[in-house]
Amino acid sequence: MIRFTLVCLAVTALVISAKLTTTKIPFIINEKGHMWLLVSGMNYSLNKNLTLKIKDAICTTKIDFSRPNEKEKKAKKGIRTMIVSCKDELLKKELAKDKKKPEKSSKKN
């Protein structure tokens, strides 16, 4: 979840930046027809069912981007599934690193 949050923040920062940058990113299509992109050490893929998969060395996040059904279109909202799975050993090491970092004081002066 931590990694996904960081990715969202990075994407948001790129979107709201004053200077827009366009980068051409190579992709491949695997034998199952899924398109894969490798960006900053993270694999992004989108399958035929419109499920976005973001994968790094520790976690895999899957987000359902399927088209809205008629009920969702009428309501102009809906719910999609997001699944995050992480490798325990690597996640424990990552969390241990985060715990060792000193936390900033939240006290007001």
PDB file of N, CA and C in Angstrom:
ATOM      1  N   MET A   1       0.829  -1.186   0.000  1.00  0.00           N
ATOM      2  CA  MET A   1       0.000   0.000   0.000  1.00  0.00           C
ATOM      3  C   MET A   1       0.874   1.250   0.000  1.00  0.00           C
ATOM      4  N   ILE A   2       1.997   1.179   0.715  1.00  0.00           N
ATOM      5  CA  ILE A   2       2.912   2.315   0.779  1.00  0.00           C
ATOM      6  C   ILE A   2       3.419   2.641  -0.619  1.00  0.00           C
ATOM      7  N   ARG A   3       3.812   1.606  -1.356  1.00  0.00           N
ATOM      8  CA  ARG A   3       4.332   1.813  -2.709  1.00  0.00           C
ATOM      9  C   ARG A   3       3.262   2.416  -3.620  1.00  0.00           C
ATOM     10  N   PHE A   4       2.038   1.908  -3.523  1.00  0.00           N
ATOM     11  CA  PHE A   4       0.959   2.422  -4.366  1.00  0.00           C
ATOM     12  C   PHE A   4       0.702   3.893  -4.064  1.00  0.00           C
ATOM     13  N   THR A   5       0.730   4.263  -2.785  1.00  0.00           N
ATOM     14  CA  THR A   5       0.532   5.653  -2.391  1.00  0.00           C
ATOM     15  C   THR A   5       1.625   6.534  -2.978  1.00  0.00           C
ATOM     16  N   LEU A   6       2.870   6.048  -2.940  1.00  0.00           N
ATOM     17  CA  LEU A   6       3.977   6.816  -3.497  1.00  0.00           C
ATOM     18  C   LEU A   6       3.816   6.993  -5.002  1.00  0.00           C
ATOM     19  N   VAL A   7       3.351   5.951  -5.676  1.00  0.00           N
ATOM     20  CA  VAL A   7       3.120   6.047  -7.118  1.00  0.00           C
ATOM     21  C   VAL A   7       2.044   7.085  -7.404  1.00  0.00           C
ATOM     22  N   CYS A   8       0.962   7.056  -6.631  1.00  0.00           N
ATOM     23  CA  CYS A   8      -0.118   8.033  -6.820  1.00  0.00           C
ATOM     24  C   CYS A   8       0.381   9.453  -6.602  1.00  0.00           C
ATOM     25  N   LEU A   9       1.198   9.646  -5.576  1.00  0.00           N
ATOM     26  CA  LEU A   9       1.749  10.974  -5.310  1.00  0.00           C
ATOM     27  C   LEU A   9       2.666  11.423  -6.439  1.00  0.00           C
ATOM     28  N   ALA A  10       3.466  10.504  -6.963  1.00  0.00           N
ATOM     29  CA  ALA A  10       4.367  10.844  -8.062  1.00  0.00           C
ATOM     30  C   ALA A  10       3.576  11.234  -9.305  1.00  0.00           C
ATOM     31  N   VAL A  11       2.542  10.484  -9.610  1.00  0.00           N
ATOM     32  CA  VAL A  11       1.704  10.796 -10.769  1.00  0.00           C
ATOM     33  C   VAL A  11       1.025  12.141 -10.582  1.00  0.00           C
ATOM     34  N   THR A  12       0.508  12.401  -9.382  1.00  0.00           N
ATOM     35  CA  THR A  12      -0.136  13.684  -9.087  1.00  0.00           C
ATOM     36  C   THR A  12       0.849  14.832  -9.258  1.00  0.00           C
ATOM     37  N   ALA A  13       2.069  14.656  -8.769  1.00  0.00           N
ATOM     38  CA  ALA A  13       3.084  15.700  -8.899  1.00  0.00           C
ATOM     39  C   ALA A  13       3.380  15.986 -10.366  1.00  0.00           C
ATOM     40  N   LEU A  14       3.426  14.946 -11.186  1.00  0.00           N
ATOM     41  CA  LEU A  14       3.669  15.145 -12.611  1.00  0.00           C
ATOM     42  C   LEU A  14       2.515  15.875 -13.280  1.00  0.00           C
ATOM     43  N   VAL A  15       1.310  15.554 -12.875  1.00  0.00           N
ATOM     44  CA  VAL A  15       0.126  16.156 -13.489  1.00  0.00           C
ATOM     45  C   VAL A  15       0.018  17.636 -13.154  1.00  0.00           C
ATOM     46  N   ILE A  16       0.315  18.020 -11.903  1.00  0.00           N
ATOM     47  CA  ILE A  16       0.130  19.413 -11.507  1.00  0.00           C
ATOM     48  C   ILE A  16       1.369  20.275 -11.708  1.00  0.00           C
ATOM     49  N   SER A  17       2.447  19.695 -12.204  1.00  0.00           N
ATOM     50  CA  SER A  17       3.651  20.493 -12.409  1.00  0.00           C
ATOM     51  C   SER A  17       3.404  21.532 -13.503  1.00  0.00           C
ATOM     52  N   ALA A  18       4.066  22.675 -13.362  1.00  0.00           N
ATOM     53  CA  ALA A  18       3.878  23.774 -14.312  1.00  0.00           C
ATOM     54  C   ALA A  18       4.428  23.414 -15.688  1.00  0.00           C
ATOM     55  N   LYS A  19       5.488  22.656 -15.717  1.00  0.00           N
ATOM     56  CA  LYS A  19       6.113  22.279 -16.975  1.00  0.00           C
ATOM     57  C   LYS A  19       5.757  20.826 -17.283  1.00  0.00           C
ATOM     58  N   LEU A  20       5.112  20.611 -18.392  1.00  0.00           N
ATOM     59  CA  LEU A  20       4.743  19.256 -18.779  1.00  0.00           C
ATOM     60  C   LEU A  20       5.887  18.606 -19.540  1.00  0.00           C
ATOM     61  N   THR A  21       6.121  17.354 -19.247  1.00  0.00           N
ATOM     62  CA  THR A  21       7.159  16.595 -19.921  1.00  0.00           C
ATOM     63  C   THR A  21       6.525  15.394 -20.595  1.00  0.00           C
ATOM     64  N   THR A  22       6.884  15.175 -21.824  1.00  0.00           N
ATOM     65  CA  THR A  22       6.402  14.005 -22.542  1.00  0.00           C
ATOM     66  C   THR A  22       7.572  13.060 -22.745  1.00  0.00           C
ATOM     67  N   THR A  23       7.381  11.822 -22.353  1.00  0.00           N
ATOM     68  CA  THR A  23       8.418  10.812 -22.495  1.00  0.00           C
ATOM     69  C   THR A  23       7.853   9.638 -23.273  1.00  0.00           C
ATOM     70  N   LYS A  24       8.608   9.135 -24.200  1.00  0.00           N
ATOM     71  CA  LYS A  24       8.184   7.951 -24.935  1.00  0.00           C
ATOM     72  C   LYS A  24       8.699   6.726 -24.196  1.00  0.00           C
ATOM     73  N   ILE A  25       7.775   5.840 -23.840  1.00  0.00           N
ATOM     74  CA  ILE A  25       8.112   4.655 -23.062  1.00  0.00           C
ATOM     75  C   ILE A  25       7.848   3.426 -23.924  1.00  0.00           C
ATOM     76  N   PRO A  26       8.871   2.595 -24.124  1.00  0.00           N
ATOM     77  CA  PRO A  26       8.646   1.389 -24.919  1.00  0.00           C
ATOM     78  C   PRO A  26       7.766   0.394 -24.176  1.00  0.00           C
ATOM     79  N   PHE A  27       7.004  -0.380 -24.923  1.00  0.00           N
ATOM     80  CA  PHE A  27       6.164  -1.404 -24.321  1.00  0.00           C
ATOM     81  C   PHE A  27       6.292  -2.692 -25.113  1.00  0.00           C
ATOM     82  N   ILE A  28       5.858  -3.782 -24.480  1.00  0.00           N
ATOM     83  CA  ILE A  28       5.795  -5.069 -25.163  1.00  0.00           C
ATOM     84  C   ILE A  28       4.399  -5.645 -24.956  1.00  0.00           C
ATOM     85  N   ILE A  29       3.999  -6.514 -25.848  1.00  0.00           N
ATOM     86  CA  ILE A  29       2.745  -7.242 -25.691  1.00  0.00           C
ATOM     87  C   ILE A  29       3.118  -8.708 -25.552  1.00  0.00           C
ATOM     88  N   ASN A  30       2.739  -9.308 -24.409  1.00  0.00           N
ATOM     89  CA  ASN A  30       3.129 -10.695 -24.165  1.00  0.00           C
ATOM     90  C   ASN A  30       2.206 -11.669 -24.887  1.00  0.00           C
ATOM     91  N   GLU A  31       2.478 -12.964 -24.696  1.00  0.00           N
ATOM     92  CA  GLU A  31       1.723 -14.004 -25.399  1.00  0.00           C
ATOM     93  C   GLU A  31       0.243 -14.029 -25.023  1.00  0.00           C
ATOM     94  N   LYS A  32      -0.111 -13.454 -23.872  1.00  0.00           N
ATOM     95  CA  LYS A  32      -1.512 -13.399 -23.450  1.00  0.00           C
ATOM     96  C   LYS A  32      -2.219 -12.144 -23.968  1.00  0.00           C
ATOM     97  N   GLY A  33      -1.474 -11.284 -24.650  1.00  0.00           N
ATOM     98  CA  GLY A  33      -2.065 -10.062 -25.184  1.00  0.00           C
ATOM     99  C   GLY A  33      -2.039  -8.893 -24.212  1.00  0.00           C
ATOM    100  N   HIS A  34      -1.307  -9.038 -23.096  1.00  0.00           N
ATOM    101  CA  HIS A  34      -1.206  -7.954 -22.117  1.00  0.00           C
ATOM    102  C   HIS A  34      -0.083  -7.006 -22.533  1.00  0.00           C
ATOM    103  N   MET A  35      -0.336  -5.713 -22.396  1.00  0.00           N
ATOM    104  CA  MET A  35       0.673  -4.713 -22.703  1.00  0.00           C
ATOM    105  C   MET A  35       1.469  -4.413 -21.431  1.00  0.00           C
ATOM    106  N   TRP A  36       2.799  -4.413 -21.518  1.00  0.00           N
ATOM    107  CA  TRP A  36       3.681  -4.166 -20.373  1.00  0.00           C
ATOM    108  C   TRP A  36       4.551  -2.941 -20.627  1.00  0.00           C
ATOM    109  N   LEU A  37       4.695  -2.111 -19.585  1.00  0.00           N
ATOM    110  CA  LEU A  37       5.611  -0.972 -19.615  1.00  0.00           C
ATOM    111  C   LEU A  37       6.511  -1.062 -18.390  1.00  0.00           C
ATOM    112  N   LEU A  38       7.766  -0.694 -18.526  1.00  0.00           N
ATOM    113  CA  LEU A  38       8.687  -0.645 -17.394  1.00  0.00           C
ATOM    114  C   LEU A  38       9.072   0.814 -17.186  1.00  0.00           C
ATOM    115  N   VAL A  39       8.661   1.382 -16.030  1.00  0.00           N
ATOM    116  CA  VAL A  39       8.919   2.784 -15.714  1.00  0.00           C
ATOM    117  C   VAL A  39       9.529   2.859 -14.323  1.00  0.00           C
ATOM    118  N   SER A  40      10.728   3.392 -14.222  1.00  0.00           N
ATOM    119  CA  SER A  40      11.412   3.580 -12.932  1.00  0.00           C
ATOM    120  C   SER A  40      11.420   2.308 -12.089  1.00  0.00           C
ATOM    121  N   GLY A  41      11.707   1.182 -12.708  1.00  0.00           N
ATOM    122  CA  GLY A  41      11.813  -0.075 -11.974  1.00  0.00           C
ATOM    123  C   GLY A  41      10.487  -0.725 -11.620  1.00  0.00           C
ATOM    124  N   MET A  42       9.390  -0.165 -12.091  1.00  0.00           N
ATOM    125  CA  MET A  42       8.074  -0.743 -11.809  1.00  0.00           C
ATOM    126  C   MET A  42       7.438  -1.192 -13.120  1.00  0.00           C
ATOM    127  N   ASN A  43       6.854  -2.388 -13.095  1.00  0.00           N
ATOM    128  CA  ASN A  43       6.157  -2.920 -14.267  1.00  0.00           C
ATOM    129  C   ASN A  43       4.692  -2.516 -14.218  1.00  0.00           C
ATOM    130  N   TYR A  44       4.196  -1.982 -15.315  1.00  0.00           N
ATOM    131  CA  TYR A  44       2.784  -1.633 -15.445  1.00  0.00           C
ATOM    132  C   TYR A  44       2.210  -2.493 -16.567  1.00  0.00           C
ATOM    133  N   SER A  45       1.063  -3.096 -16.321  1.00  0.00           N
ATOM    134  CA  SER A  45       0.422  -3.863 -17.387  1.00  0.00           C
ATOM    135  C   SER A  45      -1.079  -3.638 -17.344  1.00  0.00           C
ATOM    136  N   LEU A  46      -1.684  -3.764 -18.503  1.00  0.00           N
ATOM    137  CA  LEU A  46      -3.132  -3.642 -18.622  1.00  0.00           C
ATOM    138  C   LEU A  46      -3.605  -4.825 -19.449  1.00  0.00           C
ATOM    139  N   ASN A  47      -4.484  -5.646 -18.867  1.00  0.00           N
ATOM    140  CA  ASN A  47      -4.934  -6.822 -19.607  1.00  0.00           C
ATOM    141  C   ASN A  47      -6.208  -6.529 -20.395  1.00  0.00           C
ATOM    142  N   LYS A  48      -6.691  -7.526 -21.101  1.00  0.00           N
ATOM    143  CA  LYS A  48      -7.877  -7.354 -21.950  1.00  0.00           C
ATOM    144  C   LYS A  48      -9.131  -7.046 -21.145  1.00  0.00           C
ATOM    145  N   ASN A  49      -9.140  -7.406 -19.858  1.00  0.00           N
ATOM    146  CA  ASN A  49     -10.284  -7.125 -18.978  1.00  0.00           C
ATOM    147  C   ASN A  49     -10.181  -5.752 -18.317  1.00  0.00           C
ATOM    148  N   LEU A  50      -9.204  -4.950 -18.752  1.00  0.00           N
ATOM    149  CA  LEU A  50      -8.961  -3.608 -18.214  1.00  0.00           C
ATOM    150  C   LEU A  50      -8.590  -3.633 -16.735  1.00  0.00           C
ATOM    151  N   THR A  51      -7.778  -4.608 -16.352  1.00  0.00           N
ATOM    152  CA  THR A  51      -7.214  -4.653 -15.006  1.00  0.00           C
ATOM    153  C   THR A  51      -5.791  -4.120 -15.091  1.00  0.00           C
ATOM    154  N   LEU A  52      -5.530  -3.040 -14.363  1.00  0.00           N
ATOM    155  CA  LEU A  52      -4.198  -2.453 -14.313  1.00  0.00           C
ATOM    156  C   LEU A  52      -3.407  -3.162 -13.230  1.00  0.00           C
ATOM    157  N   LYS A  53      -2.195  -3.589 -13.562  1.00  0.00           N
ATOM    158  CA  LYS A  53      -1.333  -4.270 -12.597  1.00  0.00           C
ATOM    159  C   LYS A  53      -0.034  -3.479 -12.494  1.00  0.00           C
ATOM    160  N   ILE A  54       0.326  -3.108 -11.259  1.00  0.00           N
ATOM    161  CA  ILE A  54       1.559  -2.375 -10.990  1.00  0.00           C
ATOM    162  C   ILE A  54       2.400  -3.269 -10.095  1.00  0.00           C
ATOM    163  N   LYS A  55       3.631  -3.562 -10.525  1.00  0.00           N
ATOM    164  CA  LYS A  55       4.450  -4.534  -9.796  1.00  0.00           C
ATOM    165  C   LYS A  55       5.866  -4.008  -9.623  1.00  0.00           C
ATOM    166  N   ASP A  56       6.392  -4.156  -8.397  1.00  0.00           N
ATOM    167  CA  ASP A  56       7.795  -3.870  -8.140  1.00  0.00           C
ATOM    168  C   ASP A  56       8.381  -5.078  -7.418  1.00  0.00           C
ATOM    169  N   ALA A  57       9.562  -4.934  -6.831  1.00  0.00           N
ATOM    170  CA  ALA A  57      10.225  -6.066  -6.184  1.00  0.00           C
ATOM    171  C   ALA A  57       9.482  -6.555  -4.947  1.00  0.00           C
ATOM    172  N   ILE A  58       8.659  -5.716  -4.337  1.00  0.00           N
ATOM    173  CA  ILE A  58       8.004  -6.070  -3.078  1.00  0.00           C
ATOM    174  C   ILE A  58       6.519  -6.348  -3.254  1.00  0.00           C
ATOM    175  N   CYS A  59       5.810  -5.490  -3.953  1.00  0.00           N
ATOM    176  CA  CYS A  59       4.344  -5.582  -3.993  1.00  0.00           C
ATOM    177  C   CYS A  59       3.789  -5.628  -5.414  1.00  0.00           C
ATOM    178  N   THR A  60       2.601  -6.184  -5.506  1.00  0.00           N
ATOM    179  CA  THR A  60       1.814  -6.169  -6.734  1.00  0.00           C
ATOM    180  C   THR A  60       0.455  -5.569  -6.400  1.00  0.00           C
ATOM    181  N   THR A  61       0.044  -4.590  -7.181  1.00  0.00           N
ATOM    182  CA  THR A  61      -1.258  -3.957  -6.999  1.00  0.00           C
ATOM    183  C   THR A  61      -2.071  -4.161  -8.268  1.00  0.00           C
ATOM    184  N   LYS A  62      -3.304  -4.628  -8.101  1.00  0.00           N
ATOM    185  CA  LYS A  62      -4.212  -4.813  -9.235  1.00  0.00           C
ATOM    186  C   LYS A  62      -5.435  -3.936  -9.018  1.00  0.00           C
ATOM    187  N   ILE A  63      -5.796  -3.167 -10.062  1.00  0.00           N
ATOM    188  CA  ILE A  63      -6.943  -2.270  -9.981  1.00  0.00           C
ATOM    189  C   ILE A  63      -7.862  -2.543 -11.169  1.00  0.00           C
ATOM    190  N   ASP A  64      -9.131  -2.747 -10.881  1.00  0.00           N
ATOM    191  CA  ASP A  64     -10.136  -3.012 -11.906  1.00  0.00           C
ATOM    192  C   ASP A  64     -10.570  -1.694 -12.554  1.00  0.00           C
ATOM    193  N   PHE A  65     -10.264  -1.537 -13.837  1.00  0.00           N
ATOM    194  CA  PHE A  65     -10.681  -0.356 -14.597  1.00  0.00           C
ATOM    195  C   PHE A  65     -11.730  -0.722 -15.643  1.00  0.00           C
ATOM    196  N   SER A  66     -12.529  -1.752 -15.342  1.00  0.00           N
ATOM    197  CA  SER A  66     -13.539  -2.178 -16.311  1.00  0.00           C
ATOM    198  C   SER A  66     -14.545  -1.055 -16.563  1.00  0.00           C
ATOM    199  N   ARG A  67     -15.164  -1.115 -17.722  1.00  0.00           N
ATOM    200  CA  ARG A  67     -16.120  -0.077 -18.102  1.00  0.00           C
ATOM    201  C   ARG A  67     -17.327  -0.090 -17.167  1.00  0.00           C
ATOM    202  N   PRO A  68     -17.902   1.062 -16.902  1.00  0.00           N
ATOM    203  CA  PRO A  68     -19.075   1.104 -16.016  1.00  0.00           C
ATOM    204  C   PRO A  68     -20.287   0.437 -16.662  1.00  0.00           C
ATOM    205  N   ASN A  69     -21.098  -0.205 -15.814  1.00  0.00           N
ATOM    206  CA  ASN A  69     -22.343  -0.793 -16.321  1.00  0.00           C
ATOM    207  C   ASN A  69     -23.413   0.308 -16.387  1.00  0.00           C
ATOM    208  N   GLU A  70     -24.595  -0.033 -16.846  1.00  0.00           N
ATOM    209  CA  GLU A  70     -25.654   0.972 -17.027  1.00  0.00           C
ATOM    210  C   GLU A  70     -26.048   1.647 -15.712  1.00  0.00           C
ATOM    211  N   LYS A  71     -26.111   0.865 -14.640  1.00  0.00           N
ATOM    212  CA  LYS A  71     -26.467   1.419 -13.325  1.00  0.00           C
ATOM    213  C   LYS A  71     -25.416   2.438 -12.867  1.00  0.00           C
ATOM    214  N   GLU A  72     -24.142   2.102 -13.061  1.00  0.00           N
ATOM    215  CA  GLU A  72     -23.059   3.015 -12.674  1.00  0.00           C
ATOM    216  C   GLU A  72     -23.062   4.271 -13.540  1.00  0.00           C
ATOM    217  N   LYS A  73     -23.339   4.105 -14.814  1.00  0.00           N
ATOM    218  CA  LYS A  73     -23.406   5.269 -15.707  1.00  0.00           C
ATOM    219  C   LYS A  73     -24.508   6.227 -15.263  1.00  0.00           C
ATOM    220  N   LYS A  74     -25.662   5.664 -14.924  1.00  0.00           N
ATOM    221  CA  LYS A  74     -26.792   6.489 -14.496  1.00  0.00           C
ATOM    222  C   LYS A  74     -26.477   7.215 -13.191  1.00  0.00           C
ATOM    223  N   ALA A  75     -25.838   6.501 -12.247  1.00  0.00           N
ATOM    224  CA  ALA A  75     -25.494   7.089 -10.947  1.00  0.00           C
ATOM    225  C   ALA A  75     -24.245   7.964 -11.028  1.00  0.00           C
ATOM    226  N   LYS A  76     -23.489   7.825 -12.121  1.00  0.00           N
ATOM    227  CA  LYS A  76     -22.223   8.535 -12.310  1.00  0.00           C
ATOM    228  C   LYS A  76     -21.217   8.230 -11.213  1.00  0.00           C
ATOM    229  N   LYS A  77     -21.294   7.014 -10.685  1.00  0.00           N
ATOM    230  CA  LYS A  77     -20.319   6.548  -9.704  1.00  0.00           C
ATOM    231  C   LYS A  77     -20.434   5.034  -9.580  1.00  0.00           C
ATOM    232  N   GLY A  78     -19.449   4.445  -8.924  1.00  0.00           N
ATOM    233  CA  GLY A  78     -19.435   2.999  -8.729  1.00  0.00           C
ATOM    234  C   GLY A  78     -18.265   2.598  -7.856  1.00  0.00           C
ATOM    235  N   ILE A  79     -18.069   1.314  -7.731  1.00  0.00           N
ATOM    236  CA  ILE A  79     -16.983   0.790  -6.902  1.00  0.00           C
ATOM    237  C   ILE A  79     -16.189  -0.213  -7.723  1.00  0.00           C
ATOM    238  N   ARG A  80     -14.878  -0.155  -7.600  1.00  0.00           N
ATOM    239  CA  ARG A  80     -13.992  -1.105  -8.253  1.00  0.00           C
ATOM    240  C   ARG A  80     -13.098  -1.748  -7.194  1.00  0.00           C
ATOM    241  N   THR A  81     -12.572  -2.902  -7.535  1.00  0.00           N
ATOM    242  CA  THR A  81     -11.725  -3.655  -6.615  1.00  0.00           C
ATOM    243  C   THR A  81     -10.263  -3.288  -6.815  1.00  0.00           C
ATOM    244  N   MET A  82      -9.530  -3.146  -5.697  1.00  0.00           N
ATOM    245  CA  MET A  82      -8.088  -2.971  -5.722  1.00  0.00           C
ATOM    246  C   MET A  82      -7.499  -4.029  -4.804  1.00  0.00           C
ATOM    247  N   ILE A  83      -6.564  -4.806  -5.312  1.00  0.00           N
ATOM    248  CA  ILE A  83      -5.920  -5.862  -4.535  1.00  0.00           C
ATOM    249  C   ILE A  83      -4.438  -5.545  -4.436  1.00  0.00           C
ATOM    250  N   VAL A  84      -3.908  -5.541  -3.211  1.00  0.00           N
ATOM    251  CA  VAL A  84      -2.485  -5.313  -2.982  1.00  0.00           C
ATOM    252  C   VAL A  84      -1.930  -6.541  -2.287  1.00  0.00           C
ATOM    253  N   SER A  85      -0.885  -7.118  -2.861  1.00  0.00           N
ATOM    254  CA  SER A  85      -0.229  -8.259  -2.219  1.00  0.00           C
ATOM    255  C   SER A  85       1.270  -8.009  -2.212  1.00  0.00           C
ATOM    256  N   CYS A  86       1.889  -8.293  -1.059  1.00  0.00           N
ATOM    257  CA  CYS A  86       3.316  -8.041  -0.887  1.00  0.00           C
ATOM    258  C   CYS A  86       4.019  -9.297  -0.396  1.00  0.00           C
ATOM    259  N   LYS A  87       5.283  -9.411  -0.749  1.00  0.00           N
ATOM    260  CA  LYS A  87       6.102 -10.512  -0.261  1.00  0.00           C
ATOM    261  C   LYS A  87       6.460 -10.208   1.183  1.00  0.00           C
ATOM    262  N   ASP A  88       6.160 -11.129   2.081  1.00  0.00           N
ATOM    263  CA  ASP A  88       6.339 -10.899   3.513  1.00  0.00           C
ATOM    264  C   ASP A  88       7.759 -10.500   3.896  1.00  0.00           C
ATOM    265  N   GLU A  89       8.762 -11.246   3.438  1.00  0.00           N
ATOM    266  CA  GLU A  89      10.138 -10.980   3.860  1.00  0.00           C
ATOM    267  C   GLU A  89      10.599  -9.599   3.418  1.00  0.00           C
ATOM    268  N   LEU A  90      10.372  -9.276   2.165  1.00  0.00           N
ATOM    269  CA  LEU A  90      10.791  -7.969   1.667  1.00  0.00           C
ATOM    270  C   LEU A  90       9.995  -6.844   2.309  1.00  0.00           C
ATOM    271  N   LEU A  91       8.715  -7.075   2.539  1.00  0.00           N
ATOM    272  CA  LEU A  91       7.879  -6.059   3.170  1.00  0.00           C
ATOM    273  C   LEU A  91       8.340  -5.799   4.596  1.00  0.00           C
ATOM    274  N   LYS A  92       8.674  -6.863   5.332  1.00  0.00           N
ATOM    275  CA  LYS A  92       9.155  -6.699   6.704  1.00  0.00           C
ATOM    276  C   LYS A  92      10.436  -5.869   6.730  1.00  0.00           C
ATOM    277  N   LYS A  93      11.336  -6.118   5.778  1.00  0.00           N
ATOM    278  CA  LYS A  93      12.581  -5.341   5.705  1.00  0.00           C
ATOM    279  C   LYS A  93      12.275  -3.877   5.413  1.00  0.00           C
ATOM    280  N   GLU A  94      11.352  -3.641   4.493  1.00  0.00           N
ATOM    281  CA  GLU A  94      10.972  -2.272   4.131  1.00  0.00           C
ATOM    282  C   GLU A  94      10.347  -1.545   5.320  1.00  0.00           C
ATOM    283  N   LEU A  95       9.463  -2.229   6.032  1.00  0.00           N
ATOM    284  CA  LEU A  95       8.825  -1.628   7.205  1.00  0.00           C
ATOM    285  C   LEU A  95       9.836  -1.384   8.314  1.00  0.00           C
ATOM    286  N   ALA A  96      10.792  -2.296   8.465  1.00  0.00           N
ATOM    287  CA  ALA A  96      11.833  -2.121   9.478  1.00  0.00           C
ATOM    288  C   ALA A  96      12.666  -0.879   9.172  1.00  0.00           C
ATOM    289  N   LYS A  97      12.962  -0.654   7.902  1.00  0.00           N
ATOM    290  CA  LYS A  97      13.705   0.549   7.512  1.00  0.00           C
ATOM    291  C   LYS A  97      12.913   1.799   7.869  1.00  0.00           C
ATOM    292  N   ASP A  98      11.609   1.771   7.596  1.00  0.00           N
ATOM    293  CA  ASP A  98      10.754   2.921   7.895  1.00  0.00           C
ATOM    294  C   ASP A  98      10.692   3.200   9.388  1.00  0.00           C
ATOM    295  N   LYS A  99      10.692   2.152  10.217  1.00  0.00           N
ATOM    296  CA  LYS A  99      10.624   2.332  11.670  1.00  0.00           C
ATOM    297  C   LYS A  99      11.907   2.931  12.220  1.00  0.00           C
ATOM    298  N   LYS A 100      13.042   2.642  11.575  1.00  0.00           N
ATOM    299  CA  LYS A 100      14.328   3.152  12.044  1.00  0.00           C
ATOM    300  C   LYS A 100      14.482   4.641  11.773  1.00  0.00           C
ATOM    301  N   LYS A 101      13.759   5.147  10.768  1.00  0.00           N
ATOM    302  CA  LYS A 101      13.845   6.570  10.445  1.00  0.00           C
ATOM    303  C   LYS A 101      13.170   7.373  11.547  1.00  0.00           C
ATOM    304  N   PRO A 102      13.813   8.452  12.024  1.00  0.00           N
ATOM    305  CA  PRO A 102      13.180   9.271  13.071  1.00  0.00           C
ATOM    306  C   PRO A 102      11.942   9.973  12.536  1.00  0.00           C
ATOM    307  N   GLU A 103      10.883   9.949  13.331  1.00  0.00           N
ATOM    308  CA  GLU A 103       9.640  10.606  12.936  1.00  0.00           C
ATOM    309  C   GLU A 103       9.711  12.091  13.252  1.00  0.00           C
ATOM    310  N   LYS A 104       9.096  12.887  12.402  1.00  0.00           N
ATOM    311  CA  LYS A 104       9.041  14.325  12.636  1.00  0.00           C
ATOM    312  C   LYS A 104       8.032  14.598  13.733  1.00  0.00           C
ATOM    313  N   SER A 105       8.366  15.544  14.580  1.00  0.00           N
ATOM    314  CA  SER A 105       7.473  15.892  15.680  1.00  0.00           C
ATOM    315  C   SER A 105       6.240  16.597  15.143  1.00  0.00           C
ATOM    316  N   SER A 106       5.081  16.216  15.663  1.00  0.00           N
ATOM    317  CA  SER A 106       3.836  16.850  15.223  1.00  0.00           C
ATOM    318  C   SER A 106       3.365  17.910  16.214  1.00  0.00           C
ATOM    319  N   LYS A 107       4.209  18.230  17.196  1.00  0.00           N
ATOM    320  CA  LYS A 107       3.845  19.247  18.182  1.00  0.00           C
ATOM    321  C   LYS A 107       3.929  20.630  17.562  1.00  0.00           C
ATOM    322  N   LYS A 108       2.978  21.477  17.907  1.00  0.00           N
ATOM    323  CA  LYS A 108       2.980  22.862  17.428  1.00  0.00           C
ATOM    324  C   LYS A 108       3.733  23.727  18.424  1.00  0.00           C
ATOM    325  N   ASN A 109       4.550  24.640  17.890  1.00  0.00           N
ATOM    326  CA  ASN A 109       5.314  25.551  18.757  1.00  0.00           C
ATOM    327  C   ASN A 109       4.540  26.795  19.036  1.00  0.00           C
TER     328      ASN A 109
END
